[in-house]
């Protein structure tokens, strides 16, 4: 009987710690998604500045460079551009794909809104304005990345500790 109690206590502590660890992983994935967005924007900025590539080609290439969940979203977006051709505007296709980005990424609603706004003005300006706006967007997202990275580090520590302490507290209550 004592072995079962000890095993139960270990399982409670392990489960509580695991919940805390899961919260930390969620935060880390958000940071990864922001970083992937930054990779795409930097690449798009370079292509617009030096090769004047079409935005659909930039998105296709960006899906390879960004990788991860953002790369998958960009690949789906590039596929939509190829299949829909001129049936819809760039903005309609971009904003239509935001639903899948919301579903599969770990970005916050504010970050999703920033990505949606990026698509709204990306093709409606001349190259110089697009480059300037991309640089501004990149600076804002870089700031967000640094904040989220710091926040994720703090949340990882706190969530693991609280998970462990919560498990110990439950053992005391149960035992």
Protein backbone atom coordinates (compact mmCIF):
# COMPACT_ATOMS: atom_id res chain seq x y z
CA UNK A 1 0.00 0.00 0.00
CA UNK A 2 2.87 2.36 0.78
CA UNK A 3 4.36 1.78 -2.67
CA UNK A 4 1.11 2.79 -4.32
CA UNK A 5 1.02 6.02 -2.31
CA UNK A 6 4.62 6.84 -3.20
CA UNK A 7 3.96 6.05 -6.86
CA UNK A 8 0.84 8.25 -6.80
CA UNK A 9 2.82 11.09 -5.23
CA UNK A 10 5.50 10.82 -7.89
CA UNK A 11 2.90 10.81 -10.63
CA UNK A 12 1.22 13.94 -9.21
CA UNK A 13 4.54 15.80 -8.99
CA UNK A 14 5.55 14.66 -12.48
CA UNK A 15 2.21 15.65 -13.98
CA UNK A 16 2.28 19.07 -12.32
CA UNK A 17 5.83 19.69 -13.48
CA UNK A 18 4.82 18.53 -16.97
CA UNK A 19 1.98 21.05 -17.10
CA UNK A 20 4.41 23.82 -16.17
CA UNK A 21 6.87 22.62 -18.81
CA UNK A 22 4.10 22.59 -21.44
CA UNK A 23 3.28 26.23 -20.73
CA UNK A 24 6.94 27.07 -21.25
CA UNK A 25 7.06 25.16 -24.54
CA UNK A 26 4.04 27.13 -25.76
CA UNK A 27 5.90 30.39 -25.09
CA UNK A 28 9.03 29.12 -26.85
CA UNK A 29 7.00 28.21 -29.92
CA UNK A 30 5.59 31.74 -30.06
CA UNK A 31 9.15 33.08 -30.06
CA UNK A 32 10.07 30.65 -32.87
CA UNK A 33 7.11 31.83 -34.95
CA UNK A 34 8.10 35.47 -34.55
CA UNK A 35 11.66 34.62 -35.55
CA UNK A 36 10.41 32.81 -38.66
CA UNK A 37 8.38 35.90 -39.58
CA UNK A 38 11.49 38.02 -39.17
CA UNK A 39 13.43 35.71 -41.49
CA UNK A 40 10.72 36.05 -44.12
CA UNK A 41 10.52 39.85 -43.85
CA UNK A 42 14.31 40.24 -44.04
CA UNK A 43 14.41 38.01 -47.09
CA UNK A 44 11.51 39.87 -48.72
CA UNK A 45 13.20 43.19 -48.02
CA UNK A 46 16.40 42.01 -49.68
CA UNK A 47 14.59 40.66 -52.72
CA UNK A 48 12.60 43.85 -53.19
CA UNK A 49 15.69 46.03 -52.76
CA UNK A 50 18.12 44.14 -54.97
CA UNK A 51 16.28 41.92 -57.42
CA UNK A 52 12.79 43.48 -57.65
CA UNK A 53 11.23 40.00 -57.63
CA UNK A 54 7.48 39.54 -57.78
CA UNK A 55 5.87 39.26 -54.38
CA UNK A 56 4.44 35.81 -55.17
CA UNK A 57 7.96 34.55 -55.94
CA UNK A 58 9.23 36.14 -52.72
CA UNK A 59 6.51 34.35 -50.74
CA UNK A 60 7.34 31.00 -52.38
CA UNK A 61 11.02 31.42 -51.62
CA UNK A 62 10.23 32.73 -48.15
CA UNK A 63 8.39 29.52 -47.33
CA UNK A 64 11.65 27.61 -47.88
CA UNK A 65 13.79 30.06 -45.89
CA UNK A 66 11.45 30.62 -42.93
CA UNK A 67 10.64 26.98 -42.32
CA UNK A 68 8.48 25.79 -39.45
CA UNK A 69 4.86 26.79 -39.03
CA UNK A 70 5.33 30.16 -40.74
CA UNK A 71 7.05 28.48 -43.68
CA UNK A 72 4.12 26.07 -43.99
CA UNK A 73 1.69 28.99 -43.97
CA UNK A 74 3.73 30.79 -46.64
CA UNK A 75 3.86 27.61 -48.76
CA UNK A 76 0.07 27.35 -48.59
CA UNK A 77 -0.18 31.03 -49.47
CA UNK A 78 2.14 30.57 -52.47
CA UNK A 79 0.03 27.63 -53.62
CA UNK A 80 -3.10 29.77 -53.41
CA UNK A 81 -1.43 32.46 -55.51
CA UNK A 82 -0.55 29.87 -58.16
CA UNK A 83 -3.99 28.26 -58.26
CA UNK A 84 -6.14 31.39 -58.02
CA UNK A 85 -3.98 33.48 -60.38
CA UNK A 86 -5.96 36.69 -60.89
CA UNK A 87 -9.34 35.52 -59.57
CA UNK A 88 -8.71 37.37 -56.30
CA UNK A 89 -6.57 40.31 -55.29
CA UNK A 90 -3.35 39.89 -53.33
CA UNK A 91 -5.00 41.35 -50.24
CA UNK A 92 -7.98 38.97 -50.46
CA UNK A 93 -5.75 35.92 -50.74
CA UNK A 94 -3.45 37.14 -47.95
CA UNK A 95 -6.27 37.96 -45.52
CA UNK A 96 -8.05 34.73 -46.45
CA UNK A 97 -5.00 32.76 -45.38
CA UNK A 98 -4.82 34.45 -41.97
CA UNK A 99 -7.30 31.89 -40.60
CA UNK A 100 -4.84 29.05 -41.17
CA UNK A 101 -2.06 31.14 -39.63
CA UNK A 102 -4.22 31.67 -36.54
CA UNK A 103 -4.99 27.96 -36.37
CA UNK A 104 -1.47 26.57 -36.75
CA UNK A 105 0.81 29.20 -35.25
CA UNK A 106 1.34 30.31 -31.68
CA UNK A 107 1.18 34.03 -32.45
CA UNK A 108 -1.00 36.32 -30.35
CA UNK A 109 -4.00 38.12 -31.82
CA UNK A 110 -2.01 41.37 -31.95
CA UNK A 111 0.81 39.68 -33.85
CA UNK A 112 -1.67 38.09 -36.25
CA UNK A 113 -3.17 41.54 -36.77
CA UNK A 114 0.27 42.91 -37.64
CA UNK A 115 0.74 40.13 -40.23
CA UNK A 116 -2.70 40.89 -41.66
CA UNK A 117 -1.80 44.58 -41.98
CA UNK A 118 1.47 43.62 -43.68
CA UNK A 119 -0.50 41.91 -46.43
CA UNK A 120 -2.87 44.83 -46.85
CA UNK A 121 -0.18 47.32 -47.88
CA UNK A 122 2.47 45.03 -49.31
CA UNK A 123 1.43 45.25 -52.97
CA UNK A 124 -0.21 48.67 -53.04
CA UNK A 125 2.91 50.82 -52.84
CA UNK A 126 5.91 51.42 -55.02
CA UNK A 127 9.10 49.46 -54.30
CA UNK A 128 10.73 52.19 -52.19
CA UNK A 129 7.70 52.55 -49.93
CA UNK A 130 7.39 48.78 -49.63
CA UNK A 131 11.04 48.54 -48.57
CA UNK A 132 10.65 51.34 -46.02
CA UNK A 133 7.49 49.83 -44.59
CA UNK A 134 9.08 46.38 -44.45
CA UNK A 135 12.04 47.83 -42.54
CA UNK A 136 9.69 49.55 -40.11
CA UNK A 137 7.64 46.37 -39.74
CA UNK A 138 10.85 44.42 -39.19
CA UNK A 139 12.00 46.84 -36.47
CA UNK A 140 8.65 46.55 -34.70
CA UNK A 141 8.67 42.78 -34.95
CA UNK A 142 12.31 42.64 -33.79
CA UNK A 143 11.28 44.56 -30.67
CA UNK A 144 8.36 42.17 -30.20
CA UNK A 145 10.73 39.22 -30.67
CA UNK A 146 13.12 40.48 -27.99
CA UNK A 147 10.24 41.11 -25.56
CA UNK A 148 8.69 37.70 -26.20
CA UNK A 149 12.05 35.96 -25.90
CA UNK A 150 12.63 37.58 -22.50
CA UNK A 151 9.05 36.84 -21.45
CA UNK A 152 9.33 33.19 -22.52
CA UNK A 153 12.52 32.79 -20.47
CA UNK A 154 10.80 34.18 -17.38
CA UNK A 155 7.62 32.17 -17.93
CA UNK A 156 9.62 28.96 -18.40
CA UNK A 157 11.25 29.39 -15.02
CA UNK A 158 8.06 30.36 -13.22
CA UNK A 159 5.83 27.74 -14.81
CA UNK A 160 8.21 24.87 -14.06
CA UNK A 161 8.65 26.04 -10.47
CA UNK A 162 4.94 26.57 -9.90
CA UNK A 163 4.17 23.22 -11.48
CA UNK A 164 6.60 21.47 -9.16
CA UNK A 165 5.39 23.38 -6.10
CA UNK A 166 1.76 22.76 -7.07
CA UNK A 167 2.47 19.03 -7.25
CA UNK A 168 4.11 19.06 -3.83
CA UNK A 169 1.17 21.06 -2.45
CA UNK A 170 -1.27 18.48 -3.85
CA UNK A 171 0.73 15.68 -2.22
CA UNK A 172 0.52 17.46 1.12
CA UNK A 173 -3.25 17.95 0.72
CA UNK A 174 -3.84 14.37 -0.36
CA UNK A 175 -1.35 12.74 2.03
